[in-house]
N, C-alpha and C. Protein backbone atom coordinates (compact mmCIF):
# COMPACT_ATOMS: atom_id res chain seq x y z
N MET A 1 22.21 5.01 -1.50
CA MET A 1 21.23 4.65 -2.50
C MET A 1 20.78 5.90 -3.26
N ILE A 2 20.95 5.85 -4.56
CA ILE A 2 20.50 6.96 -5.39
C ILE A 2 19.45 6.43 -6.35
N TYR A 3 18.27 7.03 -6.25
CA TYR A 3 17.16 6.63 -7.10
C TYR A 3 16.82 7.80 -8.01
N LYS A 4 16.62 7.49 -9.28
CA LYS A 4 16.27 8.53 -10.23
C LYS A 4 14.77 8.77 -10.30
N SER A 5 14.02 7.74 -9.90
CA SER A 5 12.56 7.82 -9.99
C SER A 5 11.94 7.01 -8.85
N TYR A 6 10.75 7.37 -8.47
CA TYR A 6 10.01 6.59 -7.48
C TYR A 6 9.81 5.17 -7.97
N LYS A 7 9.80 4.98 -9.29
CA LYS A 7 9.63 3.65 -9.86
C LYS A 7 10.79 2.72 -9.54
N ASP A 8 11.93 3.30 -9.15
CA ASP A 8 13.11 2.50 -8.77
C ASP A 8 13.00 1.93 -7.36
N LEU A 9 12.10 2.48 -6.55
CA LEU A 9 11.96 2.03 -5.17
C LEU A 9 11.24 0.69 -5.10
N GLU A 10 11.82 -0.25 -4.38
CA GLU A 10 11.20 -1.57 -4.23
C GLU A 10 9.82 -1.46 -3.58
N ILE A 11 9.68 -0.54 -2.63
CA ILE A 11 8.37 -0.40 -1.98
C ILE A 11 7.31 0.07 -2.97
N TYR A 12 7.70 0.91 -3.91
CA TYR A 12 6.74 1.36 -4.92
C TYR A 12 6.37 0.19 -5.84
N GLN A 13 7.38 -0.55 -6.28
CA GLN A 13 7.14 -1.67 -7.19
C GLN A 13 6.20 -2.70 -6.57
N LEU A 14 6.44 -3.03 -5.30
CA LEU A 14 5.57 -3.99 -4.62
C LEU A 14 4.17 -3.42 -4.41
N ALA A 15 4.09 -2.17 -3.99
CA ALA A 15 2.78 -1.53 -3.78
C ALA A 15 1.98 -1.50 -5.08
N TYR A 16 2.64 -1.22 -6.18
CA TYR A 16 1.98 -1.18 -7.49
C TYR A 16 1.44 -2.56 -7.85
N LYS A 17 2.29 -3.58 -7.71
CA LYS A 17 1.90 -4.96 -8.03
C LYS A 17 0.71 -5.40 -7.18
N LEU A 18 0.78 -5.11 -5.89
CA LEU A 18 -0.30 -5.51 -4.99
C LEU A 18 -1.59 -4.74 -5.27
N ALA A 19 -1.48 -3.47 -5.66
CA ALA A 19 -2.67 -2.68 -5.98
C ALA A 19 -3.41 -3.27 -7.18
N ILE A 20 -2.66 -3.74 -8.15
CA ILE A 20 -3.30 -4.39 -9.31
C ILE A 20 -4.00 -5.67 -8.86
N GLU A 21 -3.34 -6.44 -8.00
CA GLU A 21 -3.93 -7.68 -7.50
C GLU A 21 -5.22 -7.39 -6.72
N VAL A 22 -5.19 -6.38 -5.87
CA VAL A 22 -6.37 -6.01 -5.09
C VAL A 22 -7.48 -5.51 -6.01
N HIS A 23 -7.13 -4.72 -6.99
CA HIS A 23 -8.13 -4.21 -7.93
C HIS A 23 -8.87 -5.37 -8.59
N ARG A 24 -8.11 -6.33 -9.10
CA ARG A 24 -8.72 -7.48 -9.76
C ARG A 24 -9.58 -8.29 -8.78
N LEU A 25 -9.06 -8.49 -7.58
CA LEU A 25 -9.81 -9.23 -6.56
C LEU A 25 -11.12 -8.52 -6.24
N SER A 26 -11.07 -7.20 -6.12
CA SER A 26 -12.27 -6.44 -5.73
C SER A 26 -13.37 -6.57 -6.76
N LEU A 27 -13.00 -6.77 -8.00
CA LEU A 27 -14.01 -6.91 -9.06
C LEU A 27 -14.71 -8.25 -9.04
N THR A 28 -14.21 -9.18 -8.22
CA THR A 28 -14.87 -10.48 -8.07
C THR A 28 -15.87 -10.49 -6.92
N LEU A 29 -15.91 -9.40 -6.17
CA LEU A 29 -16.85 -9.32 -5.04
C LEU A 29 -18.28 -9.26 -5.56
N PRO A 30 -19.23 -9.63 -4.72
CA PRO A 30 -20.64 -9.53 -5.13
C PRO A 30 -20.97 -8.09 -5.55
N LYS A 31 -21.92 -7.98 -6.43
CA LYS A 31 -22.29 -6.67 -7.00
C LYS A 31 -22.56 -5.62 -5.92
N TYR A 32 -23.22 -6.02 -4.85
CA TYR A 32 -23.56 -5.06 -3.80
C TYR A 32 -22.33 -4.54 -3.06
N GLU A 33 -21.18 -5.22 -3.20
CA GLU A 33 -19.95 -4.78 -2.53
C GLU A 33 -19.04 -3.96 -3.44
N LEU A 34 -19.30 -3.94 -4.73
CA LEU A 34 -18.40 -3.24 -5.66
C LEU A 34 -18.22 -1.78 -5.31
N PHE A 35 -19.27 -1.12 -4.84
CA PHE A 35 -19.19 0.31 -4.56
C PHE A 35 -19.01 0.61 -3.08
N GLU A 36 -19.02 -0.39 -2.27
CA GLU A 36 -18.80 -0.20 -0.83
C GLU A 36 -17.39 -0.67 -0.50
N GLN A 37 -17.27 -1.89 -0.05
CA GLN A 37 -15.99 -2.45 0.36
C GLN A 37 -15.02 -2.49 -0.82
N GLY A 38 -15.50 -2.83 -2.01
CA GLY A 38 -14.63 -2.91 -3.19
C GLY A 38 -13.99 -1.58 -3.52
N SER A 39 -14.79 -0.54 -3.52
CA SER A 39 -14.28 0.80 -3.81
C SER A 39 -13.28 1.24 -2.75
N GLN A 40 -13.59 0.99 -1.51
CA GLN A 40 -12.72 1.42 -0.41
C GLN A 40 -11.36 0.74 -0.48
N ILE A 41 -11.34 -0.56 -0.74
CA ILE A 41 -10.05 -1.25 -0.77
C ILE A 41 -9.26 -0.87 -2.02
N ARG A 42 -9.94 -0.60 -3.12
CA ARG A 42 -9.21 -0.13 -4.31
C ARG A 42 -8.53 1.20 -4.02
N ARG A 43 -9.25 2.09 -3.35
CA ARG A 43 -8.66 3.40 -3.05
C ARG A 43 -7.51 3.31 -2.06
N SER A 44 -7.67 2.51 -1.01
CA SER A 44 -6.60 2.42 -0.01
C SER A 44 -5.36 1.74 -0.58
N SER A 45 -5.54 0.71 -1.40
CA SER A 45 -4.38 0.01 -1.95
C SER A 45 -3.63 0.89 -2.96
N LYS A 46 -4.36 1.66 -3.73
CA LYS A 46 -3.71 2.55 -4.71
C LYS A 46 -3.08 3.76 -4.03
N SER A 47 -3.62 4.14 -2.89
CA SER A 47 -3.07 5.27 -2.14
C SER A 47 -1.65 4.99 -1.65
N ILE A 48 -1.33 3.74 -1.39
CA ILE A 48 0.01 3.38 -0.92
C ILE A 48 1.04 3.80 -1.96
N LYS A 49 0.87 3.34 -3.18
CA LYS A 49 1.83 3.66 -4.24
C LYS A 49 1.81 5.15 -4.59
N ASP A 50 0.63 5.75 -4.56
CA ASP A 50 0.52 7.16 -4.91
C ASP A 50 1.22 8.06 -3.90
N ASN A 51 1.13 7.73 -2.62
CA ASN A 51 1.82 8.53 -1.61
C ASN A 51 3.33 8.34 -1.68
N ILE A 52 3.78 7.15 -2.05
CA ILE A 52 5.21 6.95 -2.25
C ILE A 52 5.69 7.83 -3.40
N ALA A 53 4.94 7.82 -4.50
CA ALA A 53 5.30 8.62 -5.66
C ALA A 53 5.29 10.12 -5.34
N GLU A 54 4.25 10.59 -4.67
CA GLU A 54 4.17 12.01 -4.35
C GLU A 54 5.26 12.42 -3.37
N GLY A 55 5.50 11.57 -2.39
CA GLY A 55 6.57 11.86 -1.43
C GLY A 55 7.92 11.92 -2.11
N PHE A 56 8.16 11.02 -3.04
CA PHE A 56 9.44 11.02 -3.76
C PHE A 56 9.61 12.33 -4.52
N GLY A 57 8.53 12.85 -5.05
CA GLY A 57 8.60 14.14 -5.74
C GLY A 57 8.97 15.28 -4.82
N ARG A 58 8.80 15.09 -3.53
CA ARG A 58 9.13 16.11 -2.53
C ARG A 58 10.38 15.74 -1.73
N ARG A 59 11.14 14.79 -2.22
CA ARG A 59 12.27 14.24 -1.47
C ARG A 59 13.31 15.28 -1.10
N ARG A 60 13.34 16.39 -1.81
CA ARG A 60 14.27 17.47 -1.48
C ARG A 60 14.00 17.98 -0.06
N TYR A 61 12.74 17.86 0.35
CA TYR A 61 12.32 18.30 1.67
C TYR A 61 12.08 17.07 2.53
N ARG A 62 13.08 16.68 3.29
CA ARG A 62 13.09 15.44 4.07
C ARG A 62 11.78 15.21 4.84
N ASP A 63 11.35 16.22 5.57
CA ASP A 63 10.15 16.06 6.40
C ASP A 63 8.90 15.81 5.56
N GLU A 64 8.83 16.46 4.41
CA GLU A 64 7.69 16.22 3.51
C GLU A 64 7.73 14.80 2.97
N PHE A 65 8.91 14.35 2.60
CA PHE A 65 9.06 12.99 2.10
C PHE A 65 8.60 11.99 3.16
N ILE A 66 9.07 12.18 4.38
CA ILE A 66 8.69 11.28 5.48
C ILE A 66 7.18 11.32 5.71
N ARG A 67 6.62 12.51 5.65
CA ARG A 67 5.17 12.67 5.85
C ARG A 67 4.38 11.81 4.88
N PHE A 68 4.76 11.84 3.61
CA PHE A 68 4.04 11.06 2.60
C PHE A 68 4.31 9.56 2.74
N LEU A 69 5.49 9.20 3.19
CA LEU A 69 5.77 7.79 3.45
C LEU A 69 4.91 7.28 4.61
N ILE A 70 4.70 8.13 5.60
CA ILE A 70 3.82 7.76 6.72
C ILE A 70 2.38 7.61 6.23
N PHE A 71 1.94 8.50 5.34
CA PHE A 71 0.60 8.34 4.74
C PHE A 71 0.51 7.00 4.02
N SER A 72 1.57 6.65 3.32
CA SER A 72 1.61 5.39 2.59
C SER A 72 1.49 4.21 3.55
N GLN A 73 2.22 4.27 4.64
CA GLN A 73 2.17 3.20 5.63
C GLN A 73 0.76 3.11 6.25
N SER A 74 0.15 4.25 6.49
CA SER A 74 -1.21 4.26 7.04
C SER A 74 -2.21 3.63 6.07
N SER A 75 -2.05 3.92 4.78
CA SER A 75 -2.92 3.31 3.78
C SER A 75 -2.69 1.80 3.69
N CYS A 76 -1.46 1.39 3.92
CA CYS A 76 -1.15 -0.04 3.95
C CYS A 76 -1.89 -0.71 5.11
N ASP A 77 -1.87 -0.07 6.26
CA ASP A 77 -2.61 -0.61 7.42
C ASP A 77 -4.10 -0.68 7.12
N GLU A 78 -4.62 0.36 6.49
CA GLU A 78 -6.04 0.36 6.14
C GLU A 78 -6.36 -0.78 5.17
N THR A 79 -5.49 -0.99 4.21
CA THR A 79 -5.70 -2.06 3.23
C THR A 79 -5.72 -3.43 3.91
N ILE A 80 -4.82 -3.63 4.86
CA ILE A 80 -4.80 -4.89 5.61
C ILE A 80 -6.12 -5.07 6.37
N SER A 81 -6.59 -4.02 6.99
CA SER A 81 -7.86 -4.08 7.71
C SER A 81 -9.01 -4.43 6.75
N GLN A 82 -9.04 -3.79 5.60
CA GLN A 82 -10.08 -4.06 4.60
C GLN A 82 -9.99 -5.50 4.10
N LEU A 83 -8.76 -5.98 3.85
CA LEU A 83 -8.58 -7.34 3.37
C LEU A 83 -9.06 -8.36 4.40
N ASN A 84 -8.77 -8.09 5.66
CA ASN A 84 -9.25 -9.00 6.71
C ASN A 84 -10.77 -9.09 6.71
N MET A 85 -11.43 -7.96 6.59
CA MET A 85 -12.89 -7.92 6.57
C MET A 85 -13.44 -8.66 5.34
N ILE A 86 -12.88 -8.37 4.18
CA ILE A 86 -13.33 -9.02 2.95
C ILE A 86 -13.09 -10.52 3.03
N SER A 87 -11.95 -10.90 3.55
CA SER A 87 -11.62 -12.32 3.68
C SER A 87 -12.62 -13.03 4.58
N ASP A 88 -12.91 -12.44 5.72
CA ASP A 88 -13.83 -13.06 6.67
C ASP A 88 -15.26 -13.14 6.13
N ILE A 89 -15.69 -12.12 5.39
CA ILE A 89 -17.07 -12.09 4.89
C ILE A 89 -17.25 -12.91 3.62
N HIS A 90 -16.32 -12.74 2.66
CA HIS A 90 -16.54 -13.29 1.33
C HIS A 90 -15.67 -14.50 0.96
N PHE A 91 -14.62 -14.76 1.72
CA PHE A 91 -13.74 -15.87 1.38
C PHE A 91 -13.40 -16.73 2.60
N PRO A 92 -14.40 -17.09 3.41
CA PRO A 92 -14.09 -17.84 4.63
C PRO A 92 -13.49 -19.22 4.35
N GLU A 93 -13.86 -19.83 3.22
CA GLU A 93 -13.31 -21.15 2.89
C GLU A 93 -11.88 -21.06 2.37
N LYS A 94 -11.56 -19.94 1.75
CA LYS A 94 -10.22 -19.74 1.18
C LYS A 94 -9.76 -18.33 1.55
N PRO A 95 -9.31 -18.15 2.80
CA PRO A 95 -8.93 -16.82 3.27
C PRO A 95 -7.83 -16.18 2.41
N LEU A 96 -7.77 -14.88 2.48
CA LEU A 96 -6.81 -14.10 1.69
C LEU A 96 -5.48 -13.94 2.44
N ASN A 97 -5.06 -14.97 3.14
CA ASN A 97 -3.87 -14.88 3.99
C ASN A 97 -2.61 -14.50 3.23
N ASP A 98 -2.42 -15.04 2.03
CA ASP A 98 -1.21 -14.73 1.27
C ASP A 98 -1.15 -13.24 0.93
N LEU A 99 -2.25 -12.70 0.47
CA LEU A 99 -2.30 -11.28 0.11
C LEU A 99 -2.12 -10.40 1.35
N ILE A 100 -2.75 -10.78 2.43
CA ILE A 100 -2.59 -10.04 3.69
C ILE A 100 -1.14 -10.06 4.15
N ASN A 101 -0.50 -11.23 4.06
CA ASN A 101 0.92 -11.34 4.44
C ASN A 101 1.81 -10.47 3.57
N GLN A 102 1.51 -10.40 2.28
CA GLN A 102 2.31 -9.56 1.39
C GLN A 102 2.18 -8.08 1.78
N TYR A 103 0.99 -7.67 2.17
CA TYR A 103 0.80 -6.29 2.63
C TYR A 103 1.51 -6.04 3.97
N GLU A 104 1.53 -7.04 4.83
CA GLU A 104 2.26 -6.89 6.10
C GLU A 104 3.75 -6.73 5.83
N ILE A 105 4.27 -7.48 4.88
CA ILE A 105 5.68 -7.34 4.49
C ILE A 105 5.92 -5.95 3.91
N LEU A 106 5.02 -5.49 3.04
CA LEU A 106 5.14 -4.15 2.47
C LEU A 106 5.16 -3.10 3.57
N GLY A 107 4.28 -3.22 4.56
CA GLY A 107 4.24 -2.26 5.66
C GLY A 107 5.57 -2.21 6.40
N LYS A 108 6.18 -3.37 6.63
CA LYS A 108 7.49 -3.41 7.29
C LYS A 108 8.56 -2.77 6.42
N GLN A 109 8.49 -3.00 5.12
CA GLN A 109 9.47 -2.39 4.21
C GLN A 109 9.32 -0.86 4.18
N ILE A 110 8.10 -0.39 4.17
CA ILE A 110 7.87 1.06 4.20
C ILE A 110 8.42 1.63 5.50
N ASN A 111 8.17 0.96 6.62
CA ASN A 111 8.67 1.42 7.91
C ASN A 111 10.20 1.48 7.91
N LYS A 112 10.85 0.47 7.36
CA LYS A 112 12.32 0.47 7.27
C LYS A 112 12.81 1.63 6.41
N TYR A 113 12.09 1.89 5.32
CA TYR A 113 12.49 2.98 4.44
C TYR A 113 12.31 4.34 5.14
N ILE A 114 11.24 4.47 5.91
CA ILE A 114 11.06 5.70 6.69
C ILE A 114 12.25 5.88 7.64
N GLN A 115 12.63 4.83 8.32
CA GLN A 115 13.79 4.91 9.23
C GLN A 115 15.06 5.27 8.48
N TYR A 116 15.23 4.71 7.29
CA TYR A 116 16.40 5.05 6.47
C TYR A 116 16.40 6.54 6.13
N VAL A 117 15.27 7.03 5.66
CA VAL A 117 15.18 8.46 5.27
C VAL A 117 15.42 9.33 6.49
N GLU A 118 14.84 8.98 7.63
CA GLU A 118 15.03 9.77 8.86
C GLU A 118 16.50 9.84 9.25
N SER A 119 17.23 8.76 9.07
CA SER A 119 18.63 8.69 9.50
C SER A 119 19.63 9.21 8.49
N ASN A 120 19.31 9.07 7.21
CA ASN A 120 20.32 9.32 6.18
C ASN A 120 20.03 10.43 5.19
N TRP A 121 18.83 10.96 5.22
CA TRP A 121 18.46 11.99 4.24
C TRP A 121 18.99 13.33 4.70
N LYS A 122 19.43 14.11 3.77
CA LYS A 122 19.96 15.44 4.11
C LYS A 122 18.93 16.50 3.91
């Protein structure tokens, strides 16, 4: 697999799409949550794509690339945790299960990509 840009990576594309979705969702939270839970989930969801992009910029250095992919995976886990909390508090009648599932899929894809880089990167 030869990628010319981080934008070519499926994990980046999905992380970007989901970050926009989370951003929009966070703006529907009650006013008192916009700067607490809303801000936190916006930062963690955007951190996923940003760490993929920054890591890709360091791809010449395999260990650095892996390090940033691990940061990305950690931010994905944090986003799932935040989504669960927001879902339970603010959307109990209509849980955010679909969005949470999409982030769980993204986390698995990032993990697979880390394994690929560990095994195949020079």
